[in-house]
Amino acid sequence: MMNHGYQKLTHFSELEPKFMNFMGMGSTVSLALLVFAEFFCSIFLVLGLFTRLAAIPLIIATCVMIFKAHNGDVLGDAQTATLFLTGYLVLLFVGPGKVSVDGMIGK
């Protein structure tokens, strides 16, 4: 399985038929939401733009990774996803900081 949002975006048609049907939404919608979170929301985080809003889809996607794909093995197989989840939660609650685009807009 491909690990990164850009790879999932460029190989969307190949991944779509075999992707997980999460909560009955269909594999196409599930993959599209994951690509949105992993690719587009990550770009927003890097830019520091809409940081708290961009963190929410990433938190949801990471929770699905931890609890559905890795069977809740927080300190084992899903260790990296758990670290990312911690970072996303910090960004959600603390915010992006003064040096971000969000921080500069607020001045």
PDB file of N, CA and C in Angstrom:
ATOM      1  N   MET A   1       0.837  -1.187   0.000  1.00  0.00           N
ATOM      2  CA  MET A   1       0.000   0.000   0.000  1.00  0.00           C
ATOM      3  C   MET A   1       0.875   1.241   0.000  1.00  0.00           C
ATOM      4  N   MET A   2       0.472   2.242  -0.733  1.00  0.00           N
ATOM      5  CA  MET A   2       1.239   3.476  -0.794  1.00  0.00           C
ATOM      6  C   MET A   2       1.021   4.293   0.457  1.00  0.00           C
ATOM      7  N   ASN A   3       2.053   4.976   0.886  1.00  0.00           N
ATOM      8  CA  ASN A   3       2.023   5.630   2.180  1.00  0.00           C
ATOM      9  C   ASN A   3       1.669   7.102   2.155  1.00  0.00           C
ATOM     10  N   HIS A   4       1.805   7.766   1.030  1.00  0.00           N
ATOM     11  CA  HIS A   4       1.712   9.213   1.044  1.00  0.00           C
ATOM     12  C   HIS A   4       0.560   9.723   0.189  1.00  0.00           C
ATOM     13  N   GLY A   5       0.058  10.903   0.544  1.00  0.00           N
ATOM     14  CA  GLY A   5      -1.095  11.486  -0.121  1.00  0.00           C
ATOM     15  C   GLY A   5      -0.882  11.743  -1.597  1.00  0.00           C
ATOM     16  N   TYR A   6       0.302  12.213  -1.996  1.00  0.00           N
ATOM     17  CA  TYR A   6       0.554  12.484  -3.404  1.00  0.00           C
ATOM     18  C   TYR A   6       0.518  11.202  -4.225  1.00  0.00           C
ATOM     19  N   GLN A   7       1.094  10.138  -3.693  1.00  0.00           N
ATOM     20  CA  GLN A   7       1.070   8.858  -4.393  1.00  0.00           C
ATOM     21  C   GLN A   7      -0.359   8.341  -4.535  1.00  0.00           C
ATOM     22  N   LYS A   8      -1.171   8.545  -3.513  1.00  0.00           N
ATOM     23  CA  LYS A   8      -2.566   8.126  -3.592  1.00  0.00           C
ATOM     24  C   LYS A   8      -3.331   8.978  -4.590  1.00  0.00           C
ATOM     25  N   LEU A   9      -2.982  10.251  -4.695  1.00  0.00           N
ATOM     26  CA  LEU A   9      -3.624  11.139  -5.660  1.00  0.00           C
ATOM     27  C   LEU A   9      -3.272  10.746  -7.087  1.00  0.00           C
ATOM     28  N   THR A  10      -2.008  10.473  -7.348  1.00  0.00           N
ATOM     29  CA  THR A  10      -1.578  10.141  -8.713  1.00  0.00           C
ATOM     30  C   THR A  10      -1.982   8.728  -9.138  1.00  0.00           C
ATOM     31  N   HIS A  11      -2.196   7.836  -8.198  1.00  0.00           N
ATOM     32  CA  HIS A  11      -2.590   6.461  -8.509  1.00  0.00           C
ATOM     33  C   HIS A  11      -4.019   6.166  -8.040  1.00  0.00           C
ATOM     34  N   PHE A  12      -4.854   7.193  -8.056  1.00  0.00           N
ATOM     35  CA  PHE A  12      -6.213   7.081  -7.525  1.00  0.00           C
ATOM     36  C   PHE A  12      -6.998   5.951  -8.191  1.00  0.00           C
ATOM     37  N   SER A  13      -6.968   5.892  -9.517  1.00  0.00           N
ATOM     38  CA  SER A  13      -7.773   4.890 -10.236  1.00  0.00           C
ATOM     39  C   SER A  13      -7.295   3.461  -9.977  1.00  0.00           C
ATOM     40  N   GLU A  14      -6.012   3.296  -9.691  1.00  0.00           N
ATOM     41  CA  GLU A  14      -5.491   1.965  -9.384  1.00  0.00           C
ATOM     42  C   GLU A  14      -5.880   1.527  -7.969  1.00  0.00           C
ATOM     43  N   LEU A  15      -5.899   2.470  -7.034  1.00  0.00           N
ATOM     44  CA  LEU A  15      -6.168   2.150  -5.634  1.00  0.00           C
ATOM     45  C   LEU A  15      -7.652   2.034  -5.321  1.00  0.00           C
ATOM     46  N   GLU A  16      -8.470   2.753  -6.058  1.00  0.00           N
ATOM     47  CA  GLU A  16      -9.899   2.859  -5.744  1.00  0.00           C
ATOM     48  C   GLU A  16     -10.626   1.517  -5.651  1.00  0.00           C
ATOM     49  N   PRO A  17     -10.431   0.578  -6.575  1.00  0.00           N
ATOM     50  CA  PRO A  17     -11.194  -0.675  -6.459  1.00  0.00           C
ATOM     51  C   PRO A  17     -10.848  -1.528  -5.238  1.00  0.00           C
ATOM     52  N   LYS A  18      -9.623  -1.433  -4.744  1.00  0.00           N
ATOM     53  CA  LYS A  18      -9.216  -2.280  -3.622  1.00  0.00           C
ATOM     54  C   LYS A  18      -9.117  -1.516  -2.301  1.00  0.00           C
ATOM     55  N   PHE A  19      -9.588  -0.265  -2.276  1.00  0.00           N
ATOM     56  CA  PHE A  19      -9.491   0.538  -1.056  1.00  0.00           C
ATOM     57  C   PHE A  19     -10.612   0.182  -0.089  1.00  0.00           C
ATOM     58  N   MET A  20     -10.390   0.423   1.199  1.00  0.00           N
ATOM     59  CA  MET A  20     -11.335   0.099   2.261  1.00  0.00           C
ATOM     60  C   MET A  20     -12.630   0.910   2.106  1.00  0.00           C
ATOM     61  N   ASN A  21     -13.758   0.251   2.262  1.00  0.00           N
ATOM     62  CA  ASN A  21     -15.076   0.895   2.255  1.00  0.00           C
ATOM     63  C   ASN A  21     -15.399   1.252   3.693  1.00  0.00           C
ATOM     64  N   PHE A  22     -14.995   2.446   4.106  1.00  0.00           N
ATOM     65  CA  PHE A  22     -15.152   2.848   5.503  1.00  0.00           C
ATOM     66  C   PHE A  22     -16.552   3.377   5.762  1.00  0.00           C
ATOM     67  N   MET A  23     -17.231   2.818   6.732  1.00  0.00           N
ATOM     68  CA  MET A  23     -18.570   3.216   7.179  1.00  0.00           C
ATOM     69  C   MET A  23     -19.606   3.206   6.049  1.00  0.00           C
ATOM     70  N   GLY A  24     -19.415   2.353   5.069  1.00  0.00           N
ATOM     71  CA  GLY A  24     -20.387   2.218   3.992  1.00  0.00           C
ATOM     72  C   GLY A  24     -20.420   3.377   3.014  1.00  0.00           C
ATOM     73  N   MET A  25     -19.411   4.232   3.029  1.00  0.00           N
ATOM     74  CA  MET A  25     -19.382   5.378   2.116  1.00  0.00           C
ATOM     75  C   MET A  25     -18.945   4.993   0.718  1.00  0.00           C
ATOM     76  N   GLY A  26     -18.365   3.845   0.576  1.00  0.00           N
ATOM     77  CA  GLY A  26     -17.834   3.419  -0.708  1.00  0.00           C
ATOM     78  C   GLY A  26     -16.340   3.668  -0.762  1.00  0.00           C
ATOM     79  N   SER A  27     -15.657   2.859  -1.522  1.00  0.00           N
ATOM     80  CA  SER A  27     -14.204   2.982  -1.579  1.00  0.00           C
ATOM     81  C   SER A  27     -13.767   4.260  -2.283  1.00  0.00           C
ATOM     82  N   THR A  28     -14.527   4.727  -3.263  1.00  0.00           N
ATOM     83  CA  THR A  28     -14.163   5.957  -3.971  1.00  0.00           C
ATOM     84  C   THR A  28     -14.222   7.169  -3.042  1.00  0.00           C
ATOM     85  N   VAL A  29     -15.304   7.295  -2.292  1.00  0.00           N
ATOM     86  CA  VAL A  29     -15.456   8.422  -1.370  1.00  0.00           C
ATOM     87  C   VAL A  29     -14.432   8.324  -0.241  1.00  0.00           C
ATOM     88  N   SER A  30     -14.223   7.132   0.279  1.00  0.00           N
ATOM     89  CA  SER A  30     -13.246   6.951   1.362  1.00  0.00           C
ATOM     90  C   SER A  30     -11.850   7.349   0.905  1.00  0.00           C
ATOM     91  N   LEU A  31     -11.454   6.926  -0.280  1.00  0.00           N
ATOM     92  CA  LEU A  31     -10.139   7.270  -0.806  1.00  0.00           C
ATOM     93  C   LEU A  31     -10.047   8.761  -1.108  1.00  0.00           C
ATOM     94  N   ALA A  32     -11.097   9.351  -1.651  1.00  0.00           N
ATOM     95  CA  ALA A  32     -11.087  10.785  -1.948  1.00  0.00           C
ATOM     96  C   ALA A  32     -10.933  11.609  -0.676  1.00  0.00           C
ATOM     97  N   LEU A  33     -11.624  11.218   0.385  1.00  0.00           N
ATOM     98  CA  LEU A  33     -11.497  11.929   1.661  1.00  0.00           C
ATOM     99  C   LEU A  33     -10.095  11.771   2.241  1.00  0.00           C
ATOM    100  N   LEU A  34      -9.516  10.599   2.085  1.00  0.00           N
ATOM    101  CA  LEU A  34      -8.158  10.375   2.577  1.00  0.00           C
ATOM    102  C   LEU A  34      -7.146  11.199   1.788  1.00  0.00           C
ATOM    103  N   VAL A  35      -7.311  11.258   0.473  1.00  0.00           N
ATOM    104  CA  VAL A  35      -6.420  12.072  -0.357  1.00  0.00           C
ATOM    105  C   VAL A  35      -6.556  13.546   0.027  1.00  0.00           C
ATOM    106  N   PHE A  36      -7.786  14.016   0.240  1.00  0.00           N
ATOM    107  CA  PHE A  36      -7.995  15.402   0.671  1.00  0.00           C
ATOM    108  C   PHE A  36      -7.257  15.674   1.976  1.00  0.00           C
ATOM    109  N   ALA A  37      -7.387  14.762   2.929  1.00  0.00           N
ATOM    110  CA  ALA A  37      -6.733  14.956   4.225  1.00  0.00           C
ATOM    111  C   ALA A  37      -5.214  14.892   4.093  1.00  0.00           C
ATOM    112  N   GLU A  38      -4.707  13.819   3.494  1.00  0.00           N
ATOM    113  CA  GLU A  38      -3.267  13.598   3.463  1.00  0.00           C
ATOM    114  C   GLU A  38      -2.527  14.566   2.555  1.00  0.00           C
ATOM    115  N   PHE A  39      -3.137  14.981   1.458  1.00  0.00           N
ATOM    116  CA  PHE A  39      -2.424  15.838   0.515  1.00  0.00           C
ATOM    117  C   PHE A  39      -2.744  17.315   0.743  1.00  0.00           C
ATOM    118  N   PHE A  40      -4.012  17.670   0.598  1.00  0.00           N
ATOM    119  CA  PHE A  40      -4.384  19.082   0.637  1.00  0.00           C
ATOM    120  C   PHE A  40      -4.311  19.673   2.044  1.00  0.00           C
ATOM    121  N   CYS A  41      -4.816  18.961   3.041  1.00  0.00           N
ATOM    122  CA  CYS A  41      -4.754  19.484   4.409  1.00  0.00           C
ATOM    123  C   CYS A  41      -3.320  19.547   4.910  1.00  0.00           C
ATOM    124  N   SER A  42      -2.479  18.624   4.471  1.00  0.00           N
ATOM    125  CA  SER A  42      -1.067  18.671   4.851  1.00  0.00           C
ATOM    126  C   SER A  42      -0.376  19.892   4.257  1.00  0.00           C
ATOM    127  N   ILE A  43      -0.737  20.250   3.032  1.00  0.00           N
ATOM    128  CA  ILE A  43      -0.183  21.466   2.424  1.00  0.00           C
ATOM    129  C   ILE A  43      -0.598  22.686   3.235  1.00  0.00           C
ATOM    130  N   PHE A  44      -1.857  22.733   3.656  1.00  0.00           N
ATOM    131  CA  PHE A  44      -2.312  23.842   4.496  1.00  0.00           C
ATOM    132  C   PHE A  44      -1.528  23.907   5.803  1.00  0.00           C
ATOM    133  N   LEU A  45      -1.236  22.757   6.398  1.00  0.00           N
ATOM    134  CA  LEU A  45      -0.456  22.743   7.634  1.00  0.00           C
ATOM    135  C   LEU A  45       0.959  23.266   7.417  1.00  0.00           C
ATOM    136  N   VAL A  46       1.584  22.849   6.334  1.00  0.00           N
ATOM    137  CA  VAL A  46       2.942  23.301   6.042  1.00  0.00           C
ATOM    138  C   VAL A  46       2.968  24.811   5.830  1.00  0.00           C
ATOM    139  N   LEU A  47       1.952  25.336   5.161  1.00  0.00           N
ATOM    140  CA  LEU A  47       1.882  26.775   4.929  1.00  0.00           C
ATOM    141  C   LEU A  47       1.444  27.550   6.164  1.00  0.00           C
ATOM    142  N   GLY A  48       0.850  26.867   7.109  1.00  0.00           N
ATOM    143  CA  GLY A  48       0.326  27.546   8.286  1.00  0.00           C
ATOM    144  C   GLY A  48      -0.952  28.302   7.975  1.00  0.00           C
ATOM    145  N   LEU A  49      -1.723  27.784   7.048  1.00  0.00           N
ATOM    146  CA  LEU A  49      -2.953  28.428   6.594  1.00  0.00           C
ATOM    147  C   LEU A  49      -4.138  27.542   6.976  1.00  0.00           C
ATOM    148  N   PHE A  50      -5.133  28.107   7.627  1.00  0.00           N
ATOM    149  CA  PHE A  50      -6.301  27.356   8.109  1.00  0.00           C
ATOM    150  C   PHE A  50      -5.864  26.147   8.940  1.00  0.00           C
ATOM    151  N   THR A  51      -4.890  26.358   9.787  1.00  0.00           N
ATOM    152  CA  THR A  51      -4.225  25.257  10.493  1.00  0.00           C
ATOM    153  C   THR A  51      -5.181  24.424  11.323  1.00  0.00           C
ATOM    154  N   ARG A  52      -6.002  25.066  12.123  1.00  0.00           N
ATOM    155  CA  ARG A  52      -6.891  24.295  12.997  1.00  0.00           C
ATOM    156  C   ARG A  52      -7.942  23.543  12.189  1.00  0.00           C
ATOM    157  N   LEU A  53      -8.464  24.152  11.149  1.00  0.00           N
ATOM    158  CA  LEU A  53      -9.443  23.456  10.308  1.00  0.00           C
ATOM    159  C   LEU A  53      -8.795  22.309   9.532  1.00  0.00           C
ATOM    160  N   ALA A  54      -7.571  22.505   9.068  1.00  0.00           N
ATOM    161  CA  ALA A  54      -6.867  21.471   8.310  1.00  0.00           C
ATOM    162  C   ALA A  54      -6.478  20.292   9.200  1.00  0.00           C
ATOM    163  N   ALA A  55      -6.319  20.546  10.483  1.00  0.00           N
ATOM    164  CA  ALA A  55      -5.932  19.461  11.399  1.00  0.00           C
ATOM    165  C   ALA A  55      -7.079  18.475  11.628  1.00  0.00           C
ATOM    166  N   ILE A  56      -8.317  18.930  11.513  1.00  0.00           N
ATOM    167  CA  ILE A  56      -9.461  18.060  11.819  1.00  0.00           C
ATOM    168  C   ILE A  56      -9.553  16.854  10.875  1.00  0.00           C
ATOM    169  N   PRO A  57      -9.511  17.025   9.535  1.00  0.00           N
ATOM    170  CA  PRO A  57      -9.535  15.835   8.672  1.00  0.00           C
ATOM    171  C   PRO A  57      -8.329  14.927   8.880  1.00  0.00           C
ATOM    172  N   LEU A  58      -7.183  15.520   9.210  1.00  0.00           N
ATOM    173  CA  LEU A  58      -6.001  14.705   9.468  1.00  0.00           C
ATOM    174  C   LEU A  58      -6.150  13.888  10.741  1.00  0.00           C
ATOM    175  N   ILE A  59      -6.787  14.459  11.748  1.00  0.00           N
ATOM    176  CA  ILE A  59      -7.044  13.726  12.995  1.00  0.00           C
ATOM    177  C   ILE A  59      -7.988  12.559  12.719  1.00  0.00           C
ATOM    178  N   ILE A  60      -9.032  12.803  11.959  1.00  0.00           N
ATOM    179  CA  ILE A  60      -9.991  11.736  11.639  1.00  0.00           C
ATOM    180  C   ILE A  60      -9.307  10.634  10.842  1.00  0.00           C
ATOM    181  N   ALA A  61      -8.538  11.013   9.808  1.00  0.00           N
ATOM    182  CA  ALA A  61      -7.854  10.016   8.979  1.00  0.00           C
ATOM    183  C   ALA A  61      -6.852   9.205   9.799  1.00  0.00           C
ATOM    184  N   THR A  62      -6.148   9.868  10.699  1.00  0.00           N
ATOM    185  CA  THR A  62      -5.168   9.168  11.519  1.00  0.00           C
ATOM    186  C   THR A  62      -5.838   8.228  12.517  1.00  0.00           C
ATOM    187  N   CYS A  63      -6.967   8.644  13.080  1.00  0.00           N
ATOM    188  CA  CYS A  63      -7.713   7.753  13.978  1.00  0.00           C
ATOM    189  C   CYS A  63      -8.201   6.512  13.241  1.00  0.00           C
ATOM    190  N   VAL A  64      -8.652   6.690  12.008  1.00  0.00           N
ATOM    191  CA  VAL A  64      -9.070   5.533  11.204  1.00  0.00           C
ATOM    192  C   VAL A  64      -7.875   4.619  10.959  1.00  0.00           C
ATOM    193  N   MET A  65      -6.717   5.209  10.660  1.00  0.00           N
ATOM    194  CA  MET A  65      -5.517   4.397  10.459  1.00  0.00           C
ATOM    195  C   MET A  65      -5.193   3.589  11.707  1.00  0.00           C
ATOM    196  N   ILE A  66      -5.235   4.252  12.852  1.00  0.00           N
ATOM    197  CA  ILE A  66      -4.845   3.587  14.099  1.00  0.00           C
ATOM    198  C   ILE A  66      -5.838   2.491  14.476  1.00  0.00           C
ATOM    199  N   PHE A  67      -7.118   2.829  14.492  1.00  0.00           N
ATOM    200  CA  PHE A  67      -8.098   1.915  15.062  1.00  0.00           C
ATOM    201  C   PHE A  67      -8.700   0.934  14.060  1.00  0.00           C
ATOM    202  N   LYS A  68      -8.706   1.271  12.789  1.00  0.00           N
ATOM    203  CA  LYS A  68      -9.279   0.362  11.787  1.00  0.00           C
ATOM    204  C   LYS A  68      -8.186  -0.440  11.081  1.00  0.00           C
ATOM    205  N   ALA A  69      -7.182   0.258  10.561  1.00  0.00           N
ATOM    206  CA  ALA A  69      -6.145  -0.427   9.787  1.00  0.00           C
ATOM    207  C   ALA A  69      -5.129  -1.156  10.664  1.00  0.00           C
ATOM    208  N   HIS A  70      -4.836  -0.583  11.846  1.00  0.00           N
ATOM    209  CA  HIS A  70      -3.831  -1.183  12.719  1.00  0.00           C
ATOM    210  C   HIS A  70      -4.438  -1.805  13.974  1.00  0.00           C
ATOM    211  N   ASN A  71      -5.741  -1.949  14.008  1.00  0.00           N
ATOM    212  CA  ASN A  71      -6.459  -2.596  15.106  1.00  0.00           C
ATOM    213  C   ASN A  71      -6.148  -2.012  16.487  1.00  0.00           C
ATOM    214  N   GLY A  72      -5.928  -0.708  16.548  1.00  0.00           N
ATOM    215  CA  GLY A  72      -5.717  -0.039  17.821  1.00  0.00           C
ATOM    216  C   GLY A  72      -4.401  -0.340  18.503  1.00  0.00           C
ATOM    217  N   ASP A  73      -3.450  -0.872  17.784  1.00  0.00           N
ATOM    218  CA  ASP A  73      -2.137  -1.199  18.343  1.00  0.00           C
ATOM    219  C   ASP A  73      -1.305   0.081  18.438  1.00  0.00           C
ATOM    220  N   VAL A  74      -1.659   0.922  19.400  1.00  0.00           N
ATOM    221  CA  VAL A  74      -1.138   2.287  19.504  1.00  0.00           C
ATOM    222  C   VAL A  74       0.379   2.324  19.663  1.00  0.00           C
ATOM    223  N   LEU A  75       0.933   1.474  20.478  1.00  0.00           N
ATOM    224  CA  LEU A  75       2.370   1.496  20.730  1.00  0.00           C
ATOM    225  C   LEU A  75       3.145   0.488  19.892  1.00  0.00           C
ATOM    226  N   GLY A  76       2.465  -0.256  19.051  1.00  0.00           N
ATOM    227  CA  GLY A  76       3.131  -1.249  18.218  1.00  0.00           C
ATOM    228  C   GLY A  76       3.127  -0.845  16.762  1.00  0.00           C
ATOM    229  N   ASP A  77       2.263  -1.479  16.001  1.00  0.00           N
ATOM    230  CA  ASP A  77       2.206  -1.280  14.558  1.00  0.00           C
ATOM    231  C   ASP A  77       1.804   0.145  14.177  1.00  0.00           C
ATOM    232  N   ALA A  78       0.999   0.785  14.985  1.00  0.00           N
ATOM    233  CA  ALA A  78       0.503   2.131  14.679  1.00  0.00           C
ATOM    234  C   ALA A  78       1.281   3.213  15.420  1.00  0.00           C
ATOM    235  N   GLN A  79       2.495   2.931  15.788  1.00  0.00           N
ATOM    236  CA  GLN A  79       3.296   3.872  16.566  1.00  0.00           C
ATOM    237  C   GLN A  79       3.508   5.193  15.827  1.00  0.00           C
ATOM    238  N   THR A  80       3.844   5.151  14.556  1.00  0.00           N
ATOM    239  CA  THR A  80       4.060   6.376  13.785  1.00  0.00           C
ATOM    240  C   THR A  80       2.769   7.165  13.639  1.00  0.00           C
ATOM    241  N   ALA A  81       1.678   6.492  13.370  1.00  0.00           N
ATOM    242  CA  ALA A  81       0.389   7.175  13.258  1.00  0.00           C
ATOM    243  C   ALA A  81      -0.003   7.824  14.578  1.00  0.00           C
ATOM    244  N   THR A  82       0.319   7.190  15.682  1.00  0.00           N
ATOM    245  CA  THR A  82       0.020   7.761  16.993  1.00  0.00           C
ATOM    246  C   THR A  82       0.821   9.040  17.228  1.00  0.00           C
ATOM    247  N   LEU A  83       2.073   9.054  16.801  1.00  0.00           N
ATOM    248  CA  LEU A  83       2.880  10.267  16.928  1.00  0.00           C
ATOM    249  C   LEU A  83       2.316  11.397  16.078  1.00  0.00           C
ATOM    250  N   PHE A  84       1.893  11.084  14.854  1.00  0.00           N
ATOM    251  CA  PHE A  84       1.271  12.094  14.005  1.00  0.00           C
ATOM    252  C   PHE A  84      -0.030  12.602  14.630  1.00  0.00           C
ATOM    253  N   LEU A  85      -0.821  11.694  15.178  1.00  0.00           N
ATOM    254  CA  LEU A  85      -2.073  12.093  15.826  1.00  0.00           C
ATOM    255  C   LEU A  85      -1.805  13.060  16.976  1.00  0.00           C
ATOM    256  N   THR A  86      -0.773  12.789  17.749  1.00  0.00           N
ATOM    257  CA  THR A  86      -0.409  13.679  18.851  1.00  0.00           C
ATOM    258  C   THR A  86      -0.065  15.075  18.326  1.00  0.00           C
ATOM    259  N   GLY A  87       0.708  15.132  17.262  1.00  0.00           N
ATOM    260  CA  GLY A  87       1.066  16.418  16.671  1.00  0.00           C
ATOM    261  C   GLY A  87      -0.136  17.170  16.129  1.00  0.00           C
ATOM    262  N   TYR A  88      -1.034  16.454  15.468  1.00  0.00           N
ATOM    263  CA  TYR A  88      -2.246  17.089  14.931  1.00  0.00           C
ATOM    264  C   TYR A  88      -3.136  17.619  16.050  1.00  0.00           C
ATOM    265  N   LEU A  89      -3.236  16.874  17.144  1.00  0.00           N
ATOM    266  CA  LEU A  89      -4.038  17.331  18.286  1.00  0.00           C
ATOM    267  C   LEU A  89      -3.429  18.578  18.925  1.00  0.00           C
ATOM    268  N   VAL A  90      -2.113  18.618  19.014  1.00  0.00           N
ATOM    269  CA  VAL A  90      -1.449  19.810  19.549  1.00  0.00           C
ATOM    270  C   VAL A  90      -1.745  21.013  18.660  1.00  0.00           C
ATOM    271  N   LEU A  91      -1.640  20.844  17.343  1.00  0.00           N
ATOM    272  CA  LEU A  91      -1.936  21.949  16.428  1.00  0.00           C
ATOM    273  C   LEU A  91      -3.390  22.385  16.524  1.00  0.00           C
ATOM    274  N   LEU A  92      -4.285  21.438  16.730  1.00  0.00           N
ATOM    275  CA  LEU A  92      -5.697  21.784  16.856  1.00  0.00           C
ATOM    276  C   LEU A  92      -5.939  22.638  18.099  1.00  0.00           C
ATOM    277  N   PHE A  93      -5.359  22.262  19.219  1.00  0.00           N
ATOM    278  CA  PHE A  93      -5.631  22.957  20.469  1.00  0.00           C
ATOM    279  C   PHE A  93      -4.769  24.201  20.686  1.00  0.00           C
ATOM    280  N   VAL A  94      -3.511  24.162  20.266  1.00  0.00           N
ATOM    281  CA  VAL A  94      -2.596  25.274  20.509  1.00  0.00           C
ATOM    282  C   VAL A  94      -2.631  26.287  19.368  1.00  0.00           C
ATOM    283  N   GLY A  95      -2.789  25.802  18.157  1.00  0.00           N
ATOM    284  CA  GLY A  95      -2.798  26.693  17.006  1.00  0.00           C
ATOM    285  C   GLY A  95      -1.445  26.734  16.323  1.00  0.00           C
ATOM    286  N   PRO A  96      -1.355  27.481  15.241  1.00  0.00           N
ATOM    287  CA  PRO A  96      -0.161  27.455  14.403  1.00  0.00           C
ATOM    288  C   PRO A  96       1.009  28.302  14.895  1.00  0.00           C
ATOM    289  N   GLY A  97       0.773  29.336  15.668  1.00  0.00           N
ATOM    290  CA  GLY A  97       1.848  30.196  16.129  1.00  0.00           C
ATOM    291  C   GLY A  97       1.890  31.513  15.367  1.00  0.00           C
ATOM    292  N   LYS A  98       2.775  32.399  15.796  1.00  0.00           N
ATOM    293  CA  LYS A  98       2.837  33.745  15.238  1.00  0.00           C
ATOM    294  C   LYS A  98       3.504  33.818  13.866  1.00  0.00           C
ATOM    295  N   VAL A  99       4.360  32.858  13.543  1.00  0.00           N
ATOM    296  CA  VAL A  99       5.125  32.919  12.299  1.00  0.00           C
ATOM    297  C   VAL A  99       4.352  32.304  11.119  1.00  0.00           C
ATOM    298  N   SER A 100       3.184  31.773  11.361  1.00  0.00           N
ATOM    299  CA  SER A 100       2.388  31.160  10.300  1.00  0.00           C
ATOM    300  C   SER A 100       1.595  32.215   9.541  1.00  0.00           C
ATOM    301  N   VAL A 101       1.020  31.812   8.431  1.00  0.00           N
ATOM    302  CA  VAL A 101       0.152  32.717   7.664  1.00  0.00           C
ATOM    303  C   VAL A 101      -1.061  33.077   8.517  1.00  0.00           C
ATOM    304  N   ASP A 102      -1.613  32.110   9.235  1.00  0.00           N
ATOM    305  CA  ASP A 102      -2.748  32.390  10.139  1.00  0.00           C
ATOM    306  C   ASP A 102      -2.363  33.441  11.179  1.00  0.00           C
ATOM    307  N   GLY A 103      -1.165  33.331  11.733  1.00  0.00           N
ATOM    308  CA  GLY A 103      -0.701  34.280  12.732  1.00  0.00           C
ATOM    309  C   GLY A 103      -0.493  35.674  12.160  1.00  0.00           C
ATOM    310  N   MET A 104      -0.031  35.743  10.915  1.00  0.00           N
ATOM    311  CA  MET A 104       0.203  37.033  10.279  1.00  0.00           C
ATOM    312  C   MET A 104      -1.109  37.698   9.868  1.00  0.00           C
ATOM    313  N   ILE A 105      -2.098  36.883   9.521  1.00  0.00           N
ATOM    314  CA  ILE A 105      -3.400  37.428   9.153  1.00  0.00           C
ATOM    315  C   ILE A 105      -4.071  38.032  10.382  1.00  0.00           C
ATOM    316  N   GLY A 106      -3.854  37.431  11.546  1.00  0.00           N
ATOM    317  CA  GLY A 106      -4.469  37.885  12.778  1.00  0.00           C
ATOM    318  C   GLY A 106      -3.931  39.198  13.312  1.00  0.00           C
ATOM    319  N   LYS A 107      -2.816  39.698  12.747  1.00  0.00           N
ATOM    320  CA  LYS A 107      -2.216  40.943  13.246  1.00  0.00           C
ATOM    321  C   LYS A 107      -3.041  42.153  12.872  1.00  0.00           C
TER     322      LYS A 107
END
